Amino acid sequence: MRFHSLPESKRYPQDESEYAIVLHRYNSVLDELFAGTDVYVITPVWTTDPDVPPHQPDAGYWRSLLVADDVDPEFRTYYHLFASRQPWQHGCINDLLRDVADDKVADVLITDIRLQRIHHPYDGGADVFLATPEERDGMRDRHAGWLSSHPAGL
């Protein structure tokens, strides 16, 4: 399911009042998903080099993926994933979420340690993957005003 981070599907916040809305929406959903549990915060680094780049602050190297293979090594793309495990607390990753909202960081995932619920924030909103249709429907109903009016839900 997809939630928009600002009213009327506005993509980027322009002032502190809009950042407050974005962070409220991200954290409200994250609190519902993960309150009282540990989460993995997974952040990527894209490179054209298979070597693992320096570790991210407070995150350990997890794995690397070859995303775009090419006979010419200059055109190969690698996706290096870093993960940290931490107890979920409201607002604990606000700096990261602000960077996501500004499109400074992309492809972040926040997930429970069993990988049953995934929150994927992006500039403009968040995709949420839940364990059951009932969970999805309940969350959708609680935050109906944050859904897209587009027929496909995008």
N, C-alpha and C. Protein backbone atom coordinates (compact mmCIF):
# COMPACT_ATOMS: atom_id res chain seq x y z
N MET A 1 0.85 -1.14 0.00
CA MET A 1 0.00 0.00 0.00
C MET A 1 0.91 1.22 0.00
N ARG A 2 0.42 2.29 -0.62
CA ARG A 2 1.21 3.50 -0.77
C ARG A 2 0.55 4.67 -0.07
N PHE A 3 1.32 5.35 0.78
CA PHE A 3 0.87 6.57 1.44
C PHE A 3 1.65 7.75 0.89
N HIS A 4 0.98 8.85 0.72
CA HIS A 4 1.65 10.09 0.33
C HIS A 4 2.06 10.86 1.58
N SER A 5 3.21 11.53 1.50
CA SER A 5 3.71 12.19 2.70
C SER A 5 3.22 13.61 2.89
N LEU A 6 2.61 14.19 1.88
CA LEU A 6 2.07 15.54 2.00
C LEU A 6 0.67 15.61 1.39
N PRO A 7 -0.16 16.52 1.86
CA PRO A 7 -1.50 16.67 1.28
C PRO A 7 -1.43 16.95 -0.23
N GLU A 8 -2.48 16.52 -0.90
CA GLU A 8 -2.62 16.72 -2.34
C GLU A 8 -1.47 16.12 -3.14
N SER A 9 -0.83 15.09 -2.59
CA SER A 9 0.25 14.37 -3.25
C SER A 9 1.45 15.24 -3.59
N LYS A 10 1.65 16.31 -2.84
CA LYS A 10 2.84 17.15 -3.04
C LYS A 10 4.06 16.29 -2.75
N ARG A 11 5.07 16.44 -3.56
CA ARG A 11 6.22 15.54 -3.46
C ARG A 11 7.27 15.98 -2.44
N TYR A 12 7.67 17.26 -2.47
CA TYR A 12 8.78 17.70 -1.62
C TYR A 12 8.34 18.76 -0.62
N PRO A 13 8.74 18.62 0.65
CA PRO A 13 8.45 19.66 1.63
C PRO A 13 9.27 20.91 1.35
N GLN A 14 8.68 22.07 1.62
CA GLN A 14 9.37 23.32 1.34
C GLN A 14 9.66 24.15 2.58
N ASP A 15 9.06 23.81 3.70
CA ASP A 15 9.33 24.55 4.93
C ASP A 15 9.16 23.61 6.12
N GLU A 16 9.48 24.12 7.30
CA GLU A 16 9.46 23.26 8.49
C GLU A 16 8.06 22.72 8.80
N SER A 17 7.02 23.47 8.48
CA SER A 17 5.67 22.95 8.74
C SER A 17 5.39 21.74 7.85
N GLU A 18 5.89 21.76 6.63
CA GLU A 18 5.69 20.60 5.75
C GLU A 18 6.59 19.43 6.16
N TYR A 19 7.81 19.71 6.64
CA TYR A 19 8.65 18.63 7.18
C TYR A 19 7.95 17.99 8.38
N ALA A 20 7.29 18.78 9.19
CA ALA A 20 6.56 18.24 10.35
C ALA A 20 5.47 17.28 9.90
N ILE A 21 4.76 17.61 8.82
CA ILE A 21 3.72 16.72 8.29
C ILE A 21 4.35 15.42 7.79
N VAL A 22 5.43 15.55 7.02
CA VAL A 22 6.11 14.37 6.47
C VAL A 22 6.56 13.45 7.60
N LEU A 23 7.25 14.00 8.59
CA LEU A 23 7.76 13.18 9.69
C LEU A 23 6.62 12.60 10.52
N HIS A 24 5.55 13.34 10.70
CA HIS A 24 4.39 12.82 11.42
C HIS A 24 3.82 11.59 10.69
N ARG A 25 3.66 11.70 9.39
CA ARG A 25 3.09 10.58 8.63
C ARG A 25 4.02 9.38 8.63
N TYR A 26 5.30 9.61 8.35
CA TYR A 26 6.24 8.49 8.39
C TYR A 26 6.21 7.82 9.77
N ASN A 27 6.38 8.62 10.83
CA ASN A 27 6.48 8.05 12.18
C ASN A 27 5.18 7.44 12.67
N SER A 28 4.04 7.97 12.27
CA SER A 28 2.76 7.37 12.67
C SER A 28 2.65 5.94 12.16
N VAL A 29 2.98 5.75 10.90
CA VAL A 29 2.92 4.40 10.32
C VAL A 29 4.00 3.52 10.93
N LEU A 30 5.20 4.04 11.07
CA LEU A 30 6.29 3.25 11.66
C LEU A 30 5.95 2.85 13.10
N ASP A 31 5.35 3.74 13.86
CA ASP A 31 4.94 3.40 15.24
C ASP A 31 3.92 2.26 15.23
N GLU A 32 2.96 2.32 14.32
CA GLU A 32 1.96 1.24 14.24
C GLU A 32 2.62 -0.09 13.88
N LEU A 33 3.60 -0.04 13.02
CA LEU A 33 4.25 -1.26 12.57
C LEU A 33 5.21 -1.84 13.60
N PHE A 34 5.94 -0.97 14.31
CA PHE A 34 7.11 -1.46 15.04
C PHE A 34 7.21 -1.07 16.51
N ALA A 35 6.22 -0.39 17.08
CA ALA A 35 6.32 0.04 18.48
C ALA A 35 6.64 -1.15 19.38
N GLY A 36 7.63 -0.97 20.25
CA GLY A 36 8.00 -2.01 21.20
C GLY A 36 8.82 -3.14 20.63
N THR A 37 9.29 -3.00 19.39
CA THR A 37 10.08 -4.07 18.77
C THR A 37 11.41 -3.52 18.25
N ASP A 38 12.29 -4.41 17.90
CA ASP A 38 13.51 -4.04 17.20
C ASP A 38 13.24 -4.00 15.71
N VAL A 39 13.97 -3.14 15.03
CA VAL A 39 13.86 -3.03 13.57
C VAL A 39 15.25 -3.11 12.95
N TYR A 40 15.26 -3.46 11.68
CA TYR A 40 16.45 -3.28 10.85
C TYR A 40 16.21 -2.04 10.02
N VAL A 41 17.21 -1.17 9.99
CA VAL A 41 17.21 -0.03 9.10
C VAL A 41 18.27 -0.34 8.05
N ILE A 42 17.81 -0.50 6.82
CA ILE A 42 18.70 -0.91 5.73
C ILE A 42 18.89 0.27 4.79
N THR A 43 20.15 0.61 4.56
CA THR A 43 20.48 1.71 3.66
C THR A 43 21.44 1.23 2.59
N PRO A 44 21.27 1.70 1.37
CA PRO A 44 22.12 1.25 0.27
C PRO A 44 23.19 2.27 -0.11
N VAL A 45 24.21 1.78 -0.77
CA VAL A 45 25.20 2.62 -1.45
C VAL A 45 25.37 2.03 -2.83
N TRP A 46 25.14 2.86 -3.86
CA TRP A 46 25.31 2.44 -5.26
C TRP A 46 26.72 2.76 -5.69
N THR A 47 27.38 1.81 -6.38
CA THR A 47 28.71 2.06 -6.92
C THR A 47 28.87 1.34 -8.26
N THR A 48 29.94 1.65 -8.95
CA THR A 48 30.31 0.90 -10.16
C THR A 48 31.49 -0.01 -9.84
N ASP A 49 31.77 -0.16 -8.58
CA ASP A 49 32.90 -0.96 -8.11
C ASP A 49 32.38 -2.09 -7.23
N PRO A 50 32.84 -3.32 -7.44
CA PRO A 50 32.36 -4.42 -6.60
C PRO A 50 32.88 -4.37 -5.16
N ASP A 51 33.93 -3.59 -4.92
CA ASP A 51 34.47 -3.50 -3.56
C ASP A 51 33.49 -2.76 -2.66
N VAL A 52 33.39 -3.24 -1.45
CA VAL A 52 32.48 -2.65 -0.47
C VAL A 52 33.02 -1.27 -0.07
N PRO A 53 32.18 -0.24 -0.18
CA PRO A 53 32.62 1.10 0.25
C PRO A 53 32.73 1.17 1.76
N PRO A 54 33.28 2.26 2.28
CA PRO A 54 33.36 2.39 3.74
C PRO A 54 31.99 2.23 4.38
N HIS A 55 31.99 1.65 5.58
CA HIS A 55 30.74 1.41 6.29
C HIS A 55 30.01 2.70 6.59
N GLN A 56 28.70 2.58 6.65
CA GLN A 56 27.84 3.69 7.01
C GLN A 56 27.91 3.89 8.52
N PRO A 57 27.69 5.13 8.98
CA PRO A 57 27.68 5.34 10.43
C PRO A 57 26.60 4.48 11.10
N ASP A 58 26.95 3.81 12.14
CA ASP A 58 26.01 3.00 12.94
C ASP A 58 25.37 1.86 12.16
N ALA A 59 25.95 1.45 11.06
CA ALA A 59 25.39 0.33 10.29
C ALA A 59 26.53 -0.59 9.85
N GLY A 60 26.26 -1.87 9.85
CA GLY A 60 27.23 -2.84 9.40
C GLY A 60 26.94 -3.29 7.98
N TYR A 61 27.99 -3.71 7.30
CA TYR A 61 27.83 -4.22 5.95
C TYR A 61 27.00 -5.50 5.99
N TRP A 62 26.04 -5.61 5.08
CA TRP A 62 25.19 -6.80 5.01
C TRP A 62 25.52 -7.61 3.78
N ARG A 63 25.34 -7.03 2.59
CA ARG A 63 25.61 -7.78 1.36
C ARG A 63 25.68 -6.83 0.19
N SER A 64 26.23 -7.34 -0.92
CA SER A 64 26.30 -6.57 -2.17
C SER A 64 25.58 -7.34 -3.26
N LEU A 65 24.95 -6.59 -4.15
CA LEU A 65 24.22 -7.18 -5.27
C LEU A 65 24.71 -6.54 -6.56
N LEU A 66 24.87 -7.35 -7.58
CA LEU A 66 25.15 -6.84 -8.91
C LEU A 66 23.80 -6.48 -9.52
N VAL A 67 23.56 -5.20 -9.73
CA VAL A 67 22.25 -4.75 -10.20
C VAL A 67 22.20 -4.69 -11.71
N ALA A 68 23.22 -4.15 -12.33
CA ALA A 68 23.25 -4.04 -13.79
C ALA A 68 24.56 -4.65 -14.28
N ASP A 69 24.45 -5.80 -14.91
CA ASP A 69 25.62 -6.48 -15.44
C ASP A 69 25.88 -5.97 -16.84
N ASP A 70 27.13 -5.86 -17.19
CA ASP A 70 27.51 -5.38 -18.52
C ASP A 70 28.88 -5.97 -18.82
N VAL A 71 29.12 -6.25 -20.09
CA VAL A 71 30.45 -6.77 -20.45
C VAL A 71 31.53 -5.74 -20.16
N ASP A 72 31.20 -4.48 -20.24
CA ASP A 72 32.14 -3.42 -19.92
C ASP A 72 32.05 -3.13 -18.42
N PRO A 73 33.12 -3.38 -17.68
CA PRO A 73 33.08 -3.18 -16.23
C PRO A 73 32.70 -1.76 -15.80
N GLU A 74 32.95 -0.77 -16.65
CA GLU A 74 32.61 0.61 -16.29
C GLU A 74 31.11 0.82 -16.18
N PHE A 75 30.33 -0.07 -16.79
CA PHE A 75 28.88 0.09 -16.79
C PHE A 75 28.17 -0.88 -15.86
N ARG A 76 28.92 -1.60 -15.05
CA ARG A 76 28.30 -2.46 -14.05
C ARG A 76 27.90 -1.62 -12.84
N THR A 77 26.80 -1.98 -12.24
CA THR A 77 26.31 -1.25 -11.07
C THR A 77 26.12 -2.22 -9.91
N TYR A 78 26.65 -1.82 -8.77
CA TYR A 78 26.54 -2.64 -7.56
C TYR A 78 25.75 -1.88 -6.51
N TYR A 79 25.03 -2.66 -5.74
CA TYR A 79 24.17 -2.14 -4.69
C TYR A 79 24.68 -2.74 -3.40
N HIS A 80 25.33 -1.94 -2.56
CA HIS A 80 25.90 -2.42 -1.30
C HIS A 80 24.93 -2.05 -0.18
N LEU A 81 24.50 -3.04 0.58
CA LEU A 81 23.50 -2.82 1.62
C LEU A 81 24.15 -2.84 3.00
N PHE A 82 23.76 -1.86 3.79
CA PHE A 82 24.22 -1.75 5.17
C PHE A 82 22.99 -1.81 6.07
N ALA A 83 23.13 -2.47 7.21
CA ALA A 83 21.97 -2.64 8.09
C ALA A 83 22.37 -2.36 9.54
N SER A 84 21.43 -1.78 10.25
CA SER A 84 21.60 -1.63 11.70
C SER A 84 20.34 -2.16 12.36
N ARG A 85 20.54 -2.76 13.52
CA ARG A 85 19.40 -3.24 14.31
C ARG A 85 19.28 -2.33 15.52
N GLN A 86 18.05 -1.87 15.75
CA GLN A 86 17.83 -0.96 16.87
C GLN A 86 16.40 -1.08 17.37
N PRO A 87 16.17 -0.73 18.63
CA PRO A 87 14.80 -0.72 19.11
C PRO A 87 14.07 0.46 18.46
N TRP A 88 12.83 0.20 18.01
CA TRP A 88 12.08 1.29 17.39
C TRP A 88 11.63 2.27 18.46
N GLN A 89 11.90 3.53 18.22
CA GLN A 89 11.39 4.63 19.05
C GLN A 89 10.92 5.72 18.11
N HIS A 90 9.79 6.31 18.44
CA HIS A 90 9.25 7.39 17.62
C HIS A 90 10.32 8.45 17.38
N GLY A 91 10.57 8.76 16.11
CA GLY A 91 11.51 9.81 15.75
C GLY A 91 12.97 9.40 15.71
N CYS A 92 13.28 8.13 15.98
CA CYS A 92 14.68 7.73 16.10
C CYS A 92 15.47 7.81 14.79
N ILE A 93 14.78 7.88 13.65
CA ILE A 93 15.50 8.00 12.38
C ILE A 93 15.04 9.24 11.61
N ASN A 94 14.62 10.27 12.33
CA ASN A 94 14.12 11.47 11.67
C ASN A 94 15.13 12.10 10.72
N ASP A 95 16.40 12.12 11.08
CA ASP A 95 17.40 12.71 10.18
C ASP A 95 17.43 11.94 8.85
N LEU A 96 17.41 10.62 8.94
CA LEU A 96 17.40 9.80 7.73
C LEU A 96 16.12 10.04 6.93
N LEU A 97 14.98 10.11 7.62
CA LEU A 97 13.71 10.33 6.93
C LEU A 97 13.66 11.69 6.25
N ARG A 98 14.26 12.70 6.85
CA ARG A 98 14.35 14.02 6.19
C ARG A 98 15.18 13.92 4.92
N ASP A 99 16.29 13.18 4.99
CA ASP A 99 17.12 13.00 3.79
C ASP A 99 16.36 12.25 2.71
N VAL A 100 15.57 11.27 3.10
CA VAL A 100 14.74 10.55 2.13
C VAL A 100 13.73 11.51 1.50
N ALA A 101 13.07 12.32 2.32
CA ALA A 101 12.07 13.27 1.82
C ALA A 101 12.68 14.26 0.83
N ASP A 102 13.95 14.58 1.02
CA ASP A 102 14.66 15.51 0.12
C ASP A 102 15.34 14.80 -1.04
N ASP A 103 15.15 13.48 -1.15
CA ASP A 103 15.77 12.67 -2.20
C ASP A 103 17.30 12.70 -2.14
N LYS A 104 17.84 12.87 -0.93
CA LYS A 104 19.29 12.78 -0.73
C LYS A 104 19.71 11.33 -0.53
N VAL A 105 18.78 10.51 -0.03
CA VAL A 105 18.99 9.08 0.20
C VAL A 105 17.78 8.37 -0.39
N ALA A 106 18.03 7.26 -1.05
CA ALA A 106 16.92 6.49 -1.64
C ALA A 106 17.05 5.02 -1.28
N ASP A 107 15.96 4.31 -1.45
CA ASP A 107 15.92 2.85 -1.28
C ASP A 107 16.17 2.39 0.15
N VAL A 108 15.77 3.18 1.11
CA VAL A 108 15.86 2.80 2.52
C VAL A 108 14.72 1.83 2.82
N LEU A 109 14.99 0.87 3.66
CA LEU A 109 13.96 -0.07 4.14
C LEU A 109 14.02 -0.12 5.65
N ILE A 110 12.86 -0.11 6.28
CA ILE A 110 12.76 -0.34 7.72
C ILE A 110 11.87 -1.57 7.87
N THR A 111 12.34 -2.56 8.59
CA THR A 111 11.62 -3.82 8.68
C THR A 111 11.75 -4.43 10.07
N ASP A 112 10.77 -5.23 10.43
CA ASP A 112 10.89 -5.98 11.68
C ASP A 112 11.97 -7.05 11.48
N ILE A 113 12.46 -7.60 12.56
CA ILE A 113 13.59 -8.53 12.45
C ILE A 113 13.22 -9.85 11.78
N ARG A 114 11.92 -10.13 11.63
CA ARG A 114 11.50 -11.34 10.91
C ARG A 114 11.16 -11.05 9.45
N LEU A 115 11.31 -9.79 9.05
CA LEU A 115 11.07 -9.34 7.67
C LEU A 115 9.63 -9.61 7.23
N GLN A 116 8.68 -9.40 8.14
CA GLN A 116 7.27 -9.61 7.81
C GLN A 116 6.55 -8.31 7.48
N ARG A 117 7.08 -7.22 7.96
CA ARG A 117 6.49 -5.90 7.69
C ARG A 117 7.62 -4.99 7.23
N ILE A 118 7.39 -4.32 6.11
CA ILE A 118 8.43 -3.48 5.52
C ILE A 118 7.86 -2.10 5.25
N HIS A 119 8.62 -1.11 5.64
CA HIS A 119 8.29 0.29 5.35
C HIS A 119 9.39 0.82 4.44
N HIS A 120 8.99 1.28 3.27
CA HIS A 120 9.93 1.79 2.28
C HIS A 120 9.61 3.26 1.99
N PRO A 121 10.24 4.18 2.74
CA PRO A 121 9.97 5.59 2.50
C PRO A 121 10.69 6.06 1.24
N TYR A 122 10.10 7.02 0.58
CA TYR A 122 10.72 7.63 -0.60
C TYR A 122 10.29 9.09 -0.64
N ASP A 123 10.89 9.86 -1.52
CA ASP A 123 10.51 11.27 -1.64
C ASP A 123 9.09 11.32 -2.19
N GLY A 124 8.17 11.76 -1.36
CA GLY A 124 6.77 11.84 -1.76
C GLY A 124 5.87 10.87 -1.03
N GLY A 125 6.43 9.90 -0.32
CA GLY A 125 5.55 8.96 0.37
C GLY A 125 6.27 7.76 0.93
N ALA A 126 5.52 6.67 1.05
CA ALA A 126 6.08 5.42 1.54
C ALA A 126 5.23 4.26 1.05
N ASP A 127 5.90 3.19 0.69
CA ASP A 127 5.22 1.93 0.40
C ASP A 127 5.32 1.07 1.65
N VAL A 128 4.22 0.42 2.01
CA VAL A 128 4.17 -0.40 3.21
C VAL A 128 3.71 -1.79 2.82
N PHE A 129 4.47 -2.78 3.24
CA PHE A 129 4.15 -4.18 2.97
C PHE A 129 3.85 -4.85 4.30
N LEU A 130 2.66 -5.44 4.39
CA LEU A 130 2.20 -6.03 5.64
C LEU A 130 2.02 -7.53 5.51
N ALA A 131 1.93 -8.19 6.66
CA ALA A 131 1.89 -9.65 6.69
C ALA A 131 0.55 -10.23 6.25
N THR A 132 -0.53 -9.50 6.45
CA THR A 132 -1.85 -10.05 6.11
C THR A 132 -2.72 -8.99 5.44
N PRO A 133 -3.69 -9.42 4.66
CA PRO A 133 -4.65 -8.46 4.08
C PRO A 133 -5.42 -7.69 5.15
N GLU A 134 -5.69 -8.33 6.28
CA GLU A 134 -6.41 -7.65 7.36
C GLU A 134 -5.60 -6.49 7.93
N GLU A 135 -4.30 -6.71 8.12
CA GLU A 135 -3.44 -5.62 8.59
C GLU A 135 -3.42 -4.48 7.57
N ARG A 136 -3.29 -4.83 6.30
CA ARG A 136 -3.27 -3.84 5.23
C ARG A 136 -4.55 -3.02 5.24
N ASP A 137 -5.69 -3.70 5.29
CA ASP A 137 -6.97 -3.01 5.24
C ASP A 137 -7.16 -2.10 6.45
N GLY A 138 -6.74 -2.55 7.62
CA GLY A 138 -6.87 -1.72 8.82
C GLY A 138 -6.02 -0.47 8.73
N MET A 139 -4.79 -0.62 8.29
CA MET A 139 -3.91 0.54 8.15
C MET A 139 -4.43 1.48 7.07
N ARG A 140 -4.89 0.92 5.99
CA ARG A 140 -5.45 1.74 4.90
C ARG A 140 -6.63 2.57 5.43
N ASP A 141 -7.50 1.94 6.20
CA ASP A 141 -8.68 2.63 6.72
C ASP A 141 -8.31 3.72 7.73
N ARG A 142 -7.30 3.45 8.56
CA ARG A 142 -6.88 4.44 9.57
C ARG A 142 -6.25 5.67 8.94
N HIS A 143 -5.66 5.51 7.76
CA HIS A 143 -4.93 6.61 7.12
C HIS A 143 -5.46 6.88 5.71
N ALA A 144 -6.75 6.76 5.55
CA ALA A 144 -7.36 6.91 4.23
C ALA A 144 -7.06 8.27 3.60
N GLY A 145 -6.91 9.30 4.40
CA GLY A 145 -6.63 10.63 3.88
C GLY A 145 -5.23 10.79 3.32
N TRP A 146 -4.37 9.80 3.54
CA TRP A 146 -2.99 9.86 3.04
C TRP A 146 -2.82 9.05 1.75
N LEU A 147 -3.88 8.41 1.31
CA LEU A 147 -3.81 7.59 0.09
C LEU A 147 -3.95 8.47 -1.14
N SER A 148 -3.46 7.97 -2.24
CA SER A 148 -3.58 8.68 -3.52
C SER A 148 -5.01 8.61 -4.01
N SER A 149 -5.42 9.65 -4.71
CA SER A 149 -6.75 9.62 -5.36
C SER A 149 -6.66 9.00 -6.75
N HIS A 150 -5.47 8.67 -7.20
CA HIS A 150 -5.28 8.01 -8.49
C HIS A 150 -5.94 6.64 -8.47
N PRO A 151 -6.63 6.24 -9.55
CA PRO A 151 -7.33 4.93 -9.55
C PRO A 151 -6.43 3.74 -9.26
N ALA A 152 -5.15 3.84 -9.64
CA ALA A 152 -4.21 2.73 -9.38
C ALA A 152 -3.58 2.83 -8.00
N GLY A 153 -3.91 3.88 -7.25
CA GLY A 153 -3.34 4.03 -5.91
C GLY A 153 -1.94 4.58 -5.89
N LEU A 154 -1.45 5.09 -7.00
CA LEU A 154 -0.08 5.61 -7.08
C LEU A 154 -0.01 7.09 -6.84
